[in-house]
Amino acid sequence: MSMRKKLSLPGALLLAATLASPLALSAEEPNEIAGMAVGLTAGNMWFVPIKAISVVMGLTGGAVSFVLSGGNADLTQQIWRDTTEGPYLITPEVARKAVGERPEIQK
């Protein structure tokens, strides 16, 4: 069997599986999708660097608190947990949760 036939068989199976699976239908309008993409991108331009700074400061602050508190590991872990928990990106789910349930934007 030639190399070309060996490579085309998995590709054909993948194509058949993709076409056979049901497509997800969405009631969202293109303007809504574009608006959400622009909003998420603009939000993440600010959120990601601020989150990175927060994590670095939290890790540093936790280490300093360990030294200054005489080895209080619970305090250090609490500081680290509070500053390193997600989310690390604004996703559509995070944005919807922040906005709340609004009937005019329901699917």
PDB file of N, CA and C in Angstrom:
ATOM      1  N   MET A   1       0.850  -1.164   0.000  1.00  0.00           N
ATOM      2  CA  MET A   1       0.000   0.000   0.000  1.00  0.00           C
ATOM      3  C   MET A   1       0.902   1.236   0.000  1.00  0.00           C
ATOM      4  N   SER A   2       0.601   2.183  -0.837  1.00  0.00           N
ATOM      5  CA  SER A   2       1.449   3.357  -0.945  1.00  0.00           C
ATOM      6  C   SER A   2       1.205   4.307   0.236  1.00  0.00           C
ATOM      7  N   MET A   3       2.159   5.188   0.433  1.00  0.00           N
ATOM      8  CA  MET A   3       2.068   6.134   1.537  1.00  0.00           C
ATOM      9  C   MET A   3       0.869   7.063   1.358  1.00  0.00           C
ATOM     10  N   ARG A   4       0.546   7.392   0.136  1.00  0.00           N
ATOM     11  CA  ARG A   4      -0.573   8.292  -0.124  1.00  0.00           C
ATOM     12  C   ARG A   4      -1.895   7.645   0.285  1.00  0.00           C
ATOM     13  N   LYS A   5      -2.054   6.356   0.009  1.00  0.00           N
ATOM     14  CA  LYS A   5      -3.276   5.661   0.395  1.00  0.00           C
ATOM     15  C   LYS A   5      -3.366   5.515   1.916  1.00  0.00           C
ATOM     16  N   LYS A   6      -2.233   5.311   2.570  1.00  0.00           N
ATOM     17  CA  LYS A   6      -2.229   5.192   4.020  1.00  0.00           C
ATOM     18  C   LYS A   6      -2.664   6.503   4.677  1.00  0.00           C
ATOM     19  N   LEU A   7      -2.273   7.623   4.106  1.00  0.00           N
ATOM     20  CA  LEU A   7      -2.634   8.917   4.666  1.00  0.00           C
ATOM     21  C   LEU A   7      -4.058   9.325   4.310  1.00  0.00           C
ATOM     22  N   SER A   8      -4.554   8.889   3.164  1.00  0.00           N
ATOM     23  CA  SER A   8      -5.878   9.327   2.749  1.00  0.00           C
ATOM     24  C   SER A   8      -6.995   8.562   3.470  1.00  0.00           C
ATOM     25  N   LEU A   9      -6.742   7.353   3.921  1.00  0.00           N
ATOM     26  CA  LEU A   9      -7.767   6.580   4.621  1.00  0.00           C
ATOM     27  C   LEU A   9      -8.173   7.234   5.946  1.00  0.00           C
ATOM     28  N   PRO A  10      -7.239   7.623   6.813  1.00  0.00           N
ATOM     29  CA  PRO A  10      -7.669   8.314   8.043  1.00  0.00           C
ATOM     30  C   PRO A  10      -8.362   9.648   7.751  1.00  0.00           C
ATOM     31  N   GLY A  11      -7.902  10.339   6.734  1.00  0.00           N
ATOM     32  CA  GLY A  11      -8.536  11.601   6.364  1.00  0.00           C
ATOM     33  C   GLY A  11      -9.962  11.390   5.895  1.00  0.00           C
ATOM     34  N   ALA A  12     -10.187  10.346   5.128  1.00  0.00           N
ATOM     35  CA  ALA A  12     -11.534  10.039   4.655  1.00  0.00           C
ATOM     36  C   ALA A  12     -12.437   9.630   5.815  1.00  0.00           C
ATOM     37  N   LEU A  13     -11.911   8.860   6.761  1.00  0.00           N
ATOM     38  CA  LEU A  13     -12.700   8.476   7.928  1.00  0.00           C
ATOM     39  C   LEU A  13     -13.052   9.687   8.792  1.00  0.00           C
ATOM     40  N   LEU A  14     -12.110  10.592   8.957  1.00  0.00           N
ATOM     41  CA  LEU A  14     -12.369  11.804   9.730  1.00  0.00           C
ATOM     42  C   LEU A  14     -13.420  12.669   9.047  1.00  0.00           C
ATOM     43  N   LEU A  15     -13.329  12.800   7.741  1.00  0.00           N
ATOM     44  CA  LEU A  15     -14.316  13.570   6.987  1.00  0.00           C
ATOM     45  C   LEU A  15     -15.693  12.938   7.093  1.00  0.00           C
ATOM     46  N   ALA A  16     -15.772  11.635   6.982  1.00  0.00           N
ATOM     47  CA  ALA A  16     -17.064  10.947   7.082  1.00  0.00           C
ATOM     48  C   ALA A  16     -17.653  11.107   8.484  1.00  0.00           C
ATOM     49  N   ALA A  17     -16.838  11.017   9.507  1.00  0.00           N
ATOM     50  CA  ALA A  17     -17.333  11.181  10.872  1.00  0.00           C
ATOM     51  C   ALA A  17     -17.816  12.610  11.120  1.00  0.00           C
ATOM     52  N   THR A  18     -17.104  13.561  10.556  1.00  0.00           N
ATOM     53  CA  THR A  18     -17.496  14.962  10.720  1.00  0.00           C
ATOM     54  C   THR A  18     -18.817  15.246  10.015  1.00  0.00           C
ATOM     55  N   LEU A  19     -18.969  14.738   8.817  1.00  0.00           N
ATOM     56  CA  LEU A  19     -20.199  14.985   8.067  1.00  0.00           C
ATOM     57  C   LEU A  19     -21.382  14.214   8.627  1.00  0.00           C
ATOM     58  N   ALA A  20     -21.133  13.075   9.242  1.00  0.00           N
ATOM     59  CA  ALA A  20     -22.218  12.257   9.784  1.00  0.00           C
ATOM     60  C   ALA A  20     -22.728  12.780  11.122  1.00  0.00           C
ATOM     61  N   SER A  21     -21.898  13.530  11.840  1.00  0.00           N
ATOM     62  CA  SER A  21     -22.327  14.026  13.141  1.00  0.00           C
ATOM     63  C   SER A  21     -23.277  15.211  12.954  1.00  0.00           C
ATOM     64  N   PRO A  22     -24.261  15.336  13.839  1.00  0.00           N
ATOM     65  CA  PRO A  22     -25.199  16.448  13.708  1.00  0.00           C
ATOM     66  C   PRO A  22     -24.518  17.775  14.004  1.00  0.00           C
ATOM     67  N   LEU A  23     -24.874  18.767  13.240  1.00  0.00           N
ATOM     68  CA  LEU A  23     -24.295  20.088  13.437  1.00  0.00           C
ATOM     69  C   LEU A  23     -25.044  20.823  14.536  1.00  0.00           C
ATOM     70  N   ALA A  24     -24.332  21.577  15.323  1.00  0.00           N
ATOM     71  CA  ALA A  24     -24.958  22.353  16.388  1.00  0.00           C
ATOM     72  C   ALA A  24     -25.656  23.566  15.771  1.00  0.00           C
ATOM     73  N   LEU A  25     -26.933  23.689  16.050  1.00  0.00           N
ATOM     74  CA  LEU A  25     -27.686  24.822  15.554  1.00  0.00           C
ATOM     75  C   LEU A  25     -27.649  25.926  16.581  1.00  0.00           C
ATOM     76  N   SER A  26     -27.483  27.137  16.118  1.00  0.00           N
ATOM     77  CA  SER A  26     -27.388  28.273  17.021  1.00  0.00           C
ATOM     78  C   SER A  26     -28.358  29.347  16.577  1.00  0.00           C
ATOM     79  N   ALA A  27     -29.024  29.943  17.546  1.00  0.00           N
ATOM     80  CA  ALA A  27     -29.977  30.994  17.242  1.00  0.00           C
ATOM     81  C   ALA A  27     -29.325  32.372  17.296  1.00  0.00           C
ATOM     82  N   GLU A  28     -28.019  32.421  17.493  1.00  0.00           N
ATOM     83  CA  GLU A  28     -27.334  33.700  17.602  1.00  0.00           C
ATOM     84  C   GLU A  28     -27.194  34.350  16.229  1.00  0.00           C
ATOM     85  N   GLU A  29     -27.318  35.643  16.215  1.00  0.00           N
ATOM     86  CA  GLU A  29     -27.162  36.396  14.980  1.00  0.00           C
ATOM     87  C   GLU A  29     -25.686  36.721  14.778  1.00  0.00           C
ATOM     88  N   PRO A  30     -25.277  36.922  13.516  1.00  0.00           N
ATOM     89  CA  PRO A  30     -23.866  37.249  13.258  1.00  0.00           C
ATOM     90  C   PRO A  30     -23.406  38.522  13.971  1.00  0.00           C
ATOM     91  N   ASN A  31     -24.293  39.513  14.090  1.00  0.00           N
ATOM     92  CA  ASN A  31     -23.917  40.747  14.791  1.00  0.00           C
ATOM     93  C   ASN A  31     -23.661  40.478  16.264  1.00  0.00           C
ATOM     94  N   GLU A  32     -24.458  39.600  16.861  1.00  0.00           N
ATOM     95  CA  GLU A  32     -24.271  39.257  18.270  1.00  0.00           C
ATOM     96  C   GLU A  32     -22.947  38.532  18.478  1.00  0.00           C
ATOM     97  N   ILE A  33     -22.630  37.622  17.587  1.00  0.00           N
ATOM     98  CA  ILE A  33     -21.374  36.871  17.677  1.00  0.00           C
ATOM     99  C   ILE A  33     -20.187  37.816  17.516  1.00  0.00           C
ATOM    100  N   ALA A  34     -20.272  38.713  16.533  1.00  0.00           N
ATOM    101  CA  ALA A  34     -19.181  39.662  16.298  1.00  0.00           C
ATOM    102  C   ALA A  34     -19.030  40.613  17.486  1.00  0.00           C
ATOM    103  N   GLY A  35     -20.140  41.081  18.024  1.00  0.00           N
ATOM    104  CA  GLY A  35     -20.078  41.974  19.175  1.00  0.00           C
ATOM    105  C   GLY A  35     -19.468  41.302  20.383  1.00  0.00           C
ATOM    106  N   MET A  36     -19.840  40.040  20.593  1.00  0.00           N
ATOM    107  CA  MET A  36     -19.281  39.309  21.724  1.00  0.00           C
ATOM    108  C   MET A  36     -17.782  39.077  21.516  1.00  0.00           C
ATOM    109  N   ALA A  37     -17.380  38.775  20.300  1.00  0.00           N
ATOM    110  CA  ALA A  37     -15.962  38.548  20.021  1.00  0.00           C
ATOM    111  C   ALA A  37     -15.149  39.814  20.257  1.00  0.00           C
ATOM    112  N   VAL A  38     -15.671  40.951  19.811  1.00  0.00           N
ATOM    113  CA  VAL A  38     -14.968  42.215  20.017  1.00  0.00           C
ATOM    114  C   VAL A  38     -14.911  42.542  21.515  1.00  0.00           C
ATOM    115  N   GLY A  39     -16.032  42.363  22.211  1.00  0.00           N
ATOM    116  CA  GLY A  39     -16.068  42.655  23.642  1.00  0.00           C
ATOM    117  C   GLY A  39     -15.135  41.763  24.444  1.00  0.00           C
ATOM    118  N   LEU A  40     -15.128  40.468  24.114  1.00  0.00           N
ATOM    119  CA  LEU A  40     -14.250  39.548  24.844  1.00  0.00           C
ATOM    120  C   LEU A  40     -12.779  39.849  24.571  1.00  0.00           C
ATOM    121  N   THR A  41     -12.466  40.178  23.326  1.00  0.00           N
ATOM    122  CA  THR A  41     -11.086  40.503  22.991  1.00  0.00           C
ATOM    123  C   THR A  41     -10.638  41.771  23.709  1.00  0.00           C
ATOM    124  N   ALA A  42     -11.489  42.800  23.683  1.00  0.00           N
ATOM    125  CA  ALA A  42     -11.143  44.051  24.367  1.00  0.00           C
ATOM    126  C   ALA A  42     -11.032  43.827  25.878  1.00  0.00           C
ATOM    127  N   GLY A  43     -11.934  43.051  26.440  1.00  0.00           N
ATOM    128  CA  GLY A  43     -11.869  42.769  27.866  1.00  0.00           C
ATOM    129  C   GLY A  43     -10.628  41.990  28.243  1.00  0.00           C
ATOM    130  N   ASN A  44     -10.267  41.002  27.430  1.00  0.00           N
ATOM    131  CA  ASN A  44      -9.089  40.188  27.722  1.00  0.00           C
ATOM    132  C   ASN A  44      -7.787  40.956  27.546  1.00  0.00           C
ATOM    133  N   MET A  45      -7.804  42.000  26.694  1.00  0.00           N
ATOM    134  CA  MET A  45      -6.598  42.827  26.547  1.00  0.00           C
ATOM    135  C   MET A  45      -6.240  43.486  27.874  1.00  0.00           C
ATOM    136  N   TRP A  46      -7.233  43.785  28.692  1.00  0.00           N
ATOM    137  CA  TRP A  46      -6.994  44.372  30.002  1.00  0.00           C
ATOM    138  C   TRP A  46      -6.926  43.313  31.089  1.00  0.00           C
ATOM    139  N   PHE A  47      -7.784  42.328  31.024  1.00  0.00           N
ATOM    140  CA  PHE A  47      -7.928  41.353  32.100  1.00  0.00           C
ATOM    141  C   PHE A  47      -6.704  40.449  32.245  1.00  0.00           C
ATOM    142  N   VAL A  48      -6.157  39.969  31.148  1.00  0.00           N
ATOM    143  CA  VAL A  48      -5.045  39.013  31.211  1.00  0.00           C
ATOM    144  C   VAL A  48      -3.798  39.639  31.850  1.00  0.00           C
ATOM    145  N   PRO A  49      -3.354  40.832  31.424  1.00  0.00           N
ATOM    146  CA  PRO A  49      -2.184  41.405  32.105  1.00  0.00           C
ATOM    147  C   PRO A  49      -2.448  41.730  33.578  1.00  0.00           C
ATOM    148  N   ILE A  50      -3.645  42.213  33.881  1.00  0.00           N
ATOM    149  CA  ILE A  50      -3.967  42.528  35.273  1.00  0.00           C
ATOM    150  C   ILE A  50      -3.999  41.255  36.114  1.00  0.00           C
ATOM    151  N   LYS A  51      -4.553  40.176  35.554  1.00  0.00           N
ATOM    152  CA  LYS A  51      -4.582  38.902  36.274  1.00  0.00           C
ATOM    153  C   LYS A  51      -3.159  38.375  36.487  1.00  0.00           C
ATOM    154  N   ALA A  52      -2.303  38.523  35.489  1.00  0.00           N
ATOM    155  CA  ALA A  52      -0.916  38.068  35.624  1.00  0.00           C
ATOM    156  C   ALA A  52      -0.207  38.850  36.729  1.00  0.00           C
ATOM    157  N   ILE A  53      -0.409  40.160  36.771  1.00  0.00           N
ATOM    158  CA  ILE A  53       0.186  40.980  37.829  1.00  0.00           C
ATOM    159  C   ILE A  53      -0.363  40.560  39.194  1.00  0.00           C
ATOM    160  N   SER A  54      -1.655  40.308  39.259  1.00  0.00           N
ATOM    161  CA  SER A  54      -2.282  39.887  40.513  1.00  0.00           C
ATOM    162  C   SER A  54      -1.704  38.561  41.006  1.00  0.00           C
ATOM    163  N   VAL A  55      -1.510  37.621  40.100  1.00  0.00           N
ATOM    164  CA  VAL A  55      -0.960  36.318  40.485  1.00  0.00           C
ATOM    165  C   VAL A  55       0.468  36.470  40.998  1.00  0.00           C
ATOM    166  N   VAL A  56       1.287  37.235  40.288  1.00  0.00           N
ATOM    167  CA  VAL A  56       2.679  37.419  40.711  1.00  0.00           C
ATOM    168  C   VAL A  56       2.732  38.116  42.065  1.00  0.00           C
ATOM    169  N   MET A  57       1.902  39.144  42.249  1.00  0.00           N
ATOM    170  CA  MET A  57       1.896  39.847  43.536  1.00  0.00           C
ATOM    171  C   MET A  57       1.377  38.944  44.648  1.00  0.00           C
ATOM    172  N   GLY A  58       0.383  38.103  44.345  1.00  0.00           N
ATOM    173  CA  GLY A  58      -0.139  37.183  45.343  1.00  0.00           C
ATOM    174  C   GLY A  58       0.867  36.125  45.747  1.00  0.00           C
ATOM    175  N   LEU A  59       1.585  35.600  44.772  1.00  0.00           N
ATOM    176  CA  LEU A  59       2.617  34.613  45.094  1.00  0.00           C
ATOM    177  C   LEU A  59       3.728  35.231  45.932  1.00  0.00           C
ATOM    178  N   THR A  60       4.119  36.443  45.566  1.00  0.00           N
ATOM    179  CA  THR A  60       5.158  37.139  46.327  1.00  0.00           C
ATOM    180  C   THR A  60       4.649  37.500  47.724  1.00  0.00           C
ATOM    181  N   GLY A  61       3.442  38.035  47.777  1.00  0.00           N
ATOM    182  CA  GLY A  61       2.863  38.394  49.073  1.00  0.00           C
ATOM    183  C   GLY A  61       2.678  37.197  49.980  1.00  0.00           C
ATOM    184  N   GLY A  62       2.301  36.067  49.406  1.00  0.00           N
ATOM    185  CA  GLY A  62       2.156  34.848  50.193  1.00  0.00           C
ATOM    186  C   GLY A  62       3.479  34.390  50.779  1.00  0.00           C
ATOM    187  N   ALA A  63       4.525  34.483  49.967  1.00  0.00           N
ATOM    188  CA  ALA A  63       5.845  34.085  50.454  1.00  0.00           C
ATOM    189  C   ALA A  63       6.319  35.032  51.561  1.00  0.00           C
ATOM    190  N   VAL A  64       6.076  36.324  51.378  1.00  0.00           N
ATOM    191  CA  VAL A  64       6.462  37.295  52.410  1.00  0.00           C
ATOM    192  C   VAL A  64       5.644  37.060  53.681  1.00  0.00           C
ATOM    193  N   SER A  65       4.356  36.761  53.530  1.00  0.00           N
ATOM    194  CA  SER A  65       3.521  36.520  54.720  1.00  0.00           C
ATOM    195  C   SER A  65       3.987  35.284  55.471  1.00  0.00           C
ATOM    196  N   PHE A  66       4.502  34.295  54.761  1.00  0.00           N
ATOM    197  CA  PHE A  66       5.021  33.097  55.424  1.00  0.00           C
ATOM    198  C   PHE A  66       6.202  33.452  56.316  1.00  0.00           C
ATOM    199  N   VAL A  67       7.078  34.298  55.797  1.00  0.00           N
ATOM    200  CA  VAL A  67       8.269  34.687  56.560  1.00  0.00           C
ATOM    201  C   VAL A  67       7.881  35.579  57.740  1.00  0.00           C
ATOM    202  N   LEU A  68       7.020  36.579  57.482  1.00  0.00           N
ATOM    203  CA  LEU A  68       6.675  37.542  58.525  1.00  0.00           C
ATOM    204  C   LEU A  68       5.747  36.968  59.595  1.00  0.00           C
ATOM    205  N   SER A  69       4.978  35.943  59.245  1.00  0.00           N
ATOM    206  CA  SER A  69       4.062  35.359  60.232  1.00  0.00           C
ATOM    207  C   SER A  69       4.709  34.208  60.994  1.00  0.00           C
ATOM    208  N   GLY A  70       5.953  33.978  60.766  1.00  0.00           N
ATOM    209  CA  GLY A  70       6.658  32.921  61.492  1.00  0.00           C
ATOM    210  C   GLY A  70       6.329  31.529  60.975  1.00  0.00           C
ATOM    211  N   GLY A  71       6.009  31.409  59.707  1.00  0.00           N
ATOM    212  CA  GLY A  71       5.756  30.099  59.117  1.00  0.00           C
ATOM    213  C   GLY A  71       4.305  29.680  59.121  1.00  0.00           C
ATOM    214  N   ASN A  72       3.375  30.615  59.113  1.00  0.00           N
ATOM    215  CA  ASN A  72       1.948  30.301  59.100  1.00  0.00           C
ATOM    216  C   ASN A  72       1.552  29.840  57.692  1.00  0.00           C
ATOM    217  N   ALA A  73       1.548  28.541  57.469  1.00  0.00           N
ATOM    218  CA  ALA A  73       1.274  27.981  56.147  1.00  0.00           C
ATOM    219  C   ALA A  73      -0.179  28.175  55.737  1.00  0.00           C
ATOM    220  N   ASP A  74      -1.091  28.185  56.695  1.00  0.00           N
ATOM    221  CA  ASP A  74      -2.510  28.378  56.358  1.00  0.00           C
ATOM    222  C   ASP A  74      -2.745  29.752  55.751  1.00  0.00           C
ATOM    223  N   LEU A  75      -2.147  30.774  56.333  1.00  0.00           N
ATOM    224  CA  LEU A  75      -2.275  32.129  55.803  1.00  0.00           C
ATOM    225  C   LEU A  75      -1.684  32.216  54.404  1.00  0.00           C
ATOM    226  N   THR A  76      -0.514  31.633  54.223  1.00  0.00           N
ATOM    227  CA  THR A  76       0.151  31.657  52.923  1.00  0.00           C
ATOM    228  C   THR A  76      -0.682  30.946  51.870  1.00  0.00           C
ATOM    229  N   GLN A  77      -1.208  29.788  52.203  1.00  0.00           N
ATOM    230  CA  GLN A  77      -2.031  29.042  51.244  1.00  0.00           C
ATOM    231  C   GLN A  77      -3.313  29.793  50.909  1.00  0.00           C
ATOM    232  N   GLN A  78      -3.897  30.477  51.884  1.00  0.00           N
ATOM    233  CA  GLN A  78      -5.108  31.248  51.620  1.00  0.00           C
ATOM    234  C   GLN A  78      -4.816  32.402  50.663  1.00  0.00           C
ATOM    235  N   ILE A  79      -3.704  33.086  50.848  1.00  0.00           N
ATOM    236  CA  ILE A  79      -3.324  34.173  49.941  1.00  0.00           C
ATOM    237  C   ILE A  79      -3.079  33.622  48.552  1.00  0.00           C
ATOM    238  N   TRP A  80      -2.364  32.517  48.461  1.00  0.00           N
ATOM    239  CA  TRP A  80      -2.092  31.935  47.158  1.00  0.00           C
ATOM    240  C   TRP A  80      -3.375  31.456  46.485  1.00  0.00           C
ATOM    241  N   ARG A  81      -4.259  30.850  47.243  1.00  0.00           N
ATOM    242  CA  ARG A  81      -5.514  30.355  46.678  1.00  0.00           C
ATOM    243  C   ARG A  81      -6.371  31.515  46.147  1.00  0.00           C
ATOM    244  N   ASP A  82      -6.453  32.585  46.930  1.00  0.00           N
ATOM    245  CA  ASP A  82      -7.274  33.732  46.524  1.00  0.00           C
ATOM    246  C   ASP A  82      -6.746  34.417  45.268  1.00  0.00           C
ATOM    247  N   THR A  83      -5.434  34.476  45.125  1.00  0.00           N
ATOM    248  CA  THR A  83      -4.878  35.216  43.988  1.00  0.00           C
ATOM    249  C   THR A  83      -4.644  34.358  42.748  1.00  0.00           C
ATOM    250  N   THR A  84      -4.583  33.043  42.902  1.00  0.00           N
ATOM    251  CA  THR A  84      -4.304  32.210  41.728  1.00  0.00           C
ATOM    252  C   THR A  84      -5.527  31.498  41.170  1.00  0.00           C
ATOM    253  N   GLU A  85      -6.687  31.649  41.820  1.00  0.00           N
ATOM    254  CA  GLU A  85      -7.884  31.017  41.260  1.00  0.00           C
ATOM    255  C   GLU A  85      -8.283  31.712  39.970  1.00  0.00           C
ATOM    256  N   GLY A  86      -8.903  30.940  39.078  1.00  0.00           N
ATOM    257  CA  GLY A  86      -9.371  31.477  37.807  1.00  0.00           C
ATOM    258  C   GLY A  86     -10.563  32.369  38.000  1.00  0.00           C
ATOM    259  N   PRO A  87     -11.110  32.871  36.974  1.00  0.00           N
ATOM    260  CA  PRO A  87     -10.783  32.601  35.583  1.00  0.00           C
ATOM    261  C   PRO A  87      -9.566  33.404  35.129  1.00  0.00           C
ATOM    262  N   TYR A  88      -8.878  32.859  34.151  1.00  0.00           N
ATOM    263  CA  TYR A  88      -7.712  33.533  33.601  1.00  0.00           C
ATOM    264  C   TYR A  88      -8.046  34.248  32.301  1.00  0.00           C
ATOM    265  N   LEU A  89      -9.179  33.928  31.720  1.00  0.00           N
ATOM    266  CA  LEU A  89      -9.668  34.587  30.506  1.00  0.00           C
ATOM    267  C   LEU A  89     -11.145  34.888  30.673  1.00  0.00           C
ATOM    268  N   ILE A  90     -11.593  35.936  30.016  1.00  0.00           N
ATOM    269  CA  ILE A  90     -13.021  36.211  29.966  1.00  0.00           C
ATOM    270  C   ILE A  90     -13.580  35.391  28.807  1.00  0.00           C
ATOM    271  N   THR A  91     -14.438  34.453  29.121  1.00  0.00           N
ATOM    272  CA  THR A  91     -15.080  33.609  28.110  1.00  0.00           C
ATOM    273  C   THR A  91     -16.538  34.035  27.991  1.00  0.00           C
ATOM    274  N   PRO A  92     -17.244  33.557  26.967  1.00  0.00           N
ATOM    275  CA  PRO A  92     -18.663  33.899  26.864  1.00  0.00           C
ATOM    276  C   PRO A  92     -19.459  33.486  28.101  1.00  0.00           C
ATOM    277  N   GLU A  93     -19.121  32.360  28.710  1.00  0.00           N
ATOM    278  CA  GLU A  93     -19.822  31.915  29.909  1.00  0.00           C
ATOM    279  C   GLU A  93     -19.573  32.869  31.078  1.00  0.00           C
ATOM    280  N   VAL A  94     -18.325  33.322  31.236  1.00  0.00           N
ATOM    281  CA  VAL A  94     -17.986  34.251  32.306  1.00  0.00           C
ATOM    282  C   VAL A  94     -18.704  35.580  32.074  1.00  0.00           C
ATOM    283  N   ALA A  95     -18.750  36.029  30.827  1.00  0.00           N
ATOM    284  CA  ALA A  95     -19.429  37.289  30.515  1.00  0.00           C
ATOM    285  C   ALA A  95     -20.925  37.176  30.793  1.00  0.00           C
ATOM    286  N   ARG A  96     -21.540  36.062  30.411  1.00  0.00           N
ATOM    287  CA  ARG A  96     -22.971  35.881  30.677  1.00  0.00           C
ATOM    288  C   ARG A  96     -23.256  35.835  32.172  1.00  0.00           C
ATOM    289  N   LYS A  97     -22.372  35.198  32.926  1.00  0.00           N
ATOM    290  CA  LYS A  97     -22.551  35.117  34.376  1.00  0.00           C
ATOM    291  C   LYS A  97     -22.423  36.507  35.008  1.00  0.00           C
ATOM    292  N   ALA A  98     -21.516  37.330  34.480  1.00  0.00           N
ATOM    293  CA  ALA A  98     -21.317  38.676  35.021  1.00  0.00           C
ATOM    294  C   ALA A  98     -22.510  39.580  34.711  1.00  0.00           C
ATOM    295  N   VAL A  99     -23.083  39.412  33.529  1.00  0.00           N
ATOM    296  CA  VAL A  99     -24.229  40.232  33.121  1.00  0.00           C
ATOM    297  C   VAL A  99     -25.488  39.790  33.852  1.00  0.00           C
ATOM    298  N   GLY A 100     -25.600  38.491  34.057  1.00  0.00           N
ATOM    299  CA  GLY A 100     -26.791  37.949  34.701  1.00  0.00           C
ATOM    300  C   GLY A 100     -27.778  37.449  33.657  1.00  0.00           C
ATOM    301  N   GLU A 101     -28.883  36.940  34.139  1.00  0.00           N
ATOM    302  CA  GLU A 101     -29.909  36.426  33.244  1.00  0.00           C
ATOM    303  C   GLU A 101     -30.757  37.588  32.722  1.00  0.00           C
ATOM    304  N   ARG A 102     -30.660  37.810  31.430  1.00  0.00           N
ATOM    305  CA  ARG A 102     -31.440  38.862  30.810  1.00  0.00           C
ATOM    306  C   ARG A 102     -32.296  38.246  29.709  1.00  0.00           C
ATOM    307  N   PRO A 103     -33.604  38.365  29.813  1.00  0.00           N
ATOM    308  CA  PRO A 103     -34.480  37.718  28.841  1.00  0.00           C
ATOM    309  C   PRO A 103     -34.270  38.200  27.421  1.00  0.00           C
ATOM    310  N   GLU A 104     -33.866  39.446  27.230  1.00  0.00           N
ATOM    311  CA  GLU A 104     -33.709  39.955  25.864  1.00  0.00           C
ATOM    312  C   GLU A 104     -32.506  39.395  25.152  1.00  0.00           C
ATOM    313  N   ILE A 105     -31.561  38.753  25.897  1.00  0.00           N
ATOM    314  CA  ILE A 105     -30.408  38.162  25.219  1.00  0.00           C
ATOM    315  C   ILE A 105     -30.391  36.638  25.359  1.00  0.00           C
ATOM    316  N   GLN A 106     -31.501  36.062  25.761  1.00  0.00           N
ATOM    317  CA  GLN A 106     -31.586  34.606  25.877  1.00  0.00           C
ATOM    318  C   GLN A 106     -31.618  33.980  24.485  1.00  0.00           C
ATOM    319  N   LYS A 107     -31.094  32.785  24.397  1.00  0.00           N
ATOM    320  CA  LYS A 107     -31.096  32.066  23.114  1.00  0.00           C
ATOM    321  C   LYS A 107     -32.474  31.542  22.811  1.00  0.00           C
TER     322      LYS A 107
END
